[in-house]
Amino acid sequence: MKEFLEFVIRQLVEYPDEMMLSEIPSGKTTIFKLQVRQSDVGRVIGRNGQTIHAIRALLASSAARHGQRATLEIVE
């Protein structure tokens, strides 16, 4: 899941080398914390939050296939 998430987000941001994605497992739930440059936060969130909503839907679907749950948080 982490590799998939990194691939999708790297395609969106302007500075992919400065992106940091950390994975925090806790039972059946995995929390992904994303840290990007301030100018890239808007690209990840998208207009009216549509992009981040779509990314979270893909992540939830991928996690469900593995019998888990996953969330994505943007850290500033």
C-alpha atoms as a PDB file:
ATOM      1  CA  MET A   1       0.000   0.000   0.000  1.00  0.00           C
ATOM      2  CA  LYS A   2       2.795   2.413   0.858  1.00  0.00           C
ATOM      3  CA  GLU A   3       4.479   2.002  -2.543  1.00  0.00           C
ATOM      4  CA  PHE A   4       1.172   2.602  -4.318  1.00  0.00           C
ATOM      5  CA  LEU A   5       0.480   5.711  -2.256  1.00  0.00           C
ATOM      6  CA  GLU A   6       3.981   7.073  -2.873  1.00  0.00           C
ATOM      7  CA  PHE A   7       3.612   6.531  -6.616  1.00  0.00           C
ATOM      8  CA  VAL A   8       0.282   8.378  -6.811  1.00  0.00           C
ATOM      9  CA  ILE A   9       1.410  11.330  -4.705  1.00  0.00           C
ATOM     10  CA  ARG A  10       4.773  11.678  -6.480  1.00  0.00           C
ATOM     11  CA  GLN A  11       2.868  12.175  -9.735  1.00  0.00           C
ATOM     12  CA  LEU A  12       0.881  15.042  -8.215  1.00  0.00           C
ATOM     13  CA  VAL A  13       3.489  17.134  -6.428  1.00  0.00           C
ATOM     14  CA  GLU A  14       5.969  19.532  -7.969  1.00  0.00           C
ATOM     15  CA  TYR A  15       8.820  18.528  -5.626  1.00  0.00           C
ATOM     16  CA  PRO A  16       8.578  14.720  -5.230  1.00  0.00           C
ATOM     17  CA  ASP A  17      12.059  14.446  -3.683  1.00  0.00           C
ATOM     18  CA  GLU A  18      10.938  16.483  -0.660  1.00  0.00           C
ATOM     19  CA  MET A  19       7.947  14.246   0.023  1.00  0.00           C
ATOM     20  CA  MET A  20       8.041  12.131   3.175  1.00  0.00           C
ATOM     21  CA  LEU A  21       5.528   9.362   3.777  1.00  0.00           C
ATOM     22  CA  SER A  22       5.620   7.520   7.084  1.00  0.00           C
ATOM     23  CA  GLU A  23       3.628   4.436   8.001  1.00  0.00           C
ATOM     24  CA  ILE A  24       2.360   3.866  11.537  1.00  0.00           C
ATOM     25  CA  PRO A  25       0.755   0.445  12.032  1.00  0.00           C
ATOM     26  CA  SER A  26      -1.630  -0.012  14.935  1.00  0.00           C
ATOM     27  CA  GLY A  27      -3.524  -3.277  14.902  1.00  0.00           C
ATOM     28  CA  LYS A  28      -5.695  -3.632  11.819  1.00  0.00           C
ATOM     29  CA  THR A  29      -5.444   0.082  11.056  1.00  0.00           C
ATOM     30  CA  THR A  30      -2.478   1.743   9.378  1.00  0.00           C
ATOM     31  CA  ILE A  31      -2.018   5.501   9.531  1.00  0.00           C
ATOM     32  CA  PHE A  32      -0.009   7.130   6.754  1.00  0.00           C
ATOM     33  CA  LYS A  33       1.407  10.569   7.520  1.00  0.00           C
ATOM     34  CA  LEU A  34       2.311  12.662   4.493  1.00  0.00           C
ATOM     35  CA  GLN A  35       4.655  15.612   4.640  1.00  0.00           C
ATOM     36  CA  VAL A  36       5.140  17.732   1.513  1.00  0.00           C
ATOM     37  CA  ARG A  37       6.374  21.215   0.724  1.00  0.00           C
ATOM     38  CA  GLN A  38       3.863  23.954   1.614  1.00  0.00           C
ATOM     39  CA  SER A  39       3.339  24.806  -2.066  1.00  0.00           C
ATOM     40  CA  ASP A  40       2.424  21.170  -2.818  1.00  0.00           C
ATOM     41  CA  VAL A  41      -0.233  20.837  -0.104  1.00  0.00           C
ATOM     42  CA  GLY A  42      -2.818  22.447  -2.370  1.00  0.00           C
ATOM     43  CA  ARG A  43      -1.987  20.047  -5.181  1.00  0.00           C
ATOM     44  CA  VAL A  44      -2.529  17.048  -2.902  1.00  0.00           C
ATOM     45  CA  ILE A  45      -5.781  18.384  -1.457  1.00  0.00           C
ATOM     46  CA  GLY A  46      -7.186  19.569  -4.777  1.00  0.00           C
ATOM     47  CA  ARG A  47     -10.145  21.805  -5.479  1.00  0.00           C
ATOM     48  CA  ASN A  48     -12.758  21.399  -2.729  1.00  0.00           C
ATOM     49  CA  GLY A  49     -10.762  18.420  -1.421  1.00  0.00           C
ATOM     50  CA  GLN A  50     -11.604  16.231  -4.401  1.00  0.00           C
ATOM     51  CA  THR A  51      -8.064  14.929  -4.936  1.00  0.00           C
ATOM     52  CA  ILE A  52      -7.402  13.951  -1.323  1.00  0.00           C
ATOM     53  CA  HIS A  53     -10.849  12.374  -1.144  1.00  0.00           C
ATOM     54  CA  ALA A  54     -10.057  10.242  -4.220  1.00  0.00           C
ATOM     55  CA  ILE A  55      -6.638   9.243  -2.826  1.00  0.00           C
ATOM     56  CA  ARG A  56      -8.213   8.228   0.482  1.00  0.00           C
ATOM     57  CA  ALA A  57     -10.877   6.195  -1.357  1.00  0.00           C
ATOM     58  CA  LEU A  58      -8.178   4.342  -3.313  1.00  0.00           C
ATOM     59  CA  LEU A  59      -6.226   3.740  -0.118  1.00  0.00           C
ATOM     60  CA  ALA A  60      -9.284   2.423   1.721  1.00  0.00           C
ATOM     61  CA  SER A  61     -10.094   0.110  -1.180  1.00  0.00           C
ATOM     62  CA  SER A  62      -6.536  -1.212  -1.322  1.00  0.00           C
ATOM     63  CA  ALA A  63      -6.473  -1.775   2.439  1.00  0.00           C
ATOM     64  CA  ALA A  64      -9.813  -3.584   2.356  1.00  0.00           C
ATOM     65  CA  ARG A  65      -8.435  -6.045  -0.181  1.00  0.00           C
ATOM     66  CA  HIS A  66      -5.808  -6.979   2.412  1.00  0.00           C
ATOM     67  CA  GLY A  67      -8.319  -7.168   5.253  1.00  0.00           C
ATOM     68  CA  GLN A  68      -7.076  -3.957   6.869  1.00  0.00           C
ATOM     69  CA  ARG A  69      -8.000  -0.308   7.276  1.00  0.00           C
ATOM     70  CA  ALA A  70      -5.860   2.680   6.359  1.00  0.00           C
ATOM     71  CA  THR A  71      -6.052   6.454   6.718  1.00  0.00           C
ATOM     72  CA  LEU A  72      -4.003   9.282   5.262  1.00  0.00           C
ATOM     73  CA  GLU A  73      -3.123  12.444   7.184  1.00  0.00           C
ATOM     74  CA  ILE A  74      -1.302  15.491   5.858  1.00  0.00           C
ATOM     75  CA  VAL A  75       1.255  16.863   8.332  1.00  0.00           C
ATOM     76  CA  GLU A  76       2.273  20.488   8.010  1.00  0.00           C
END
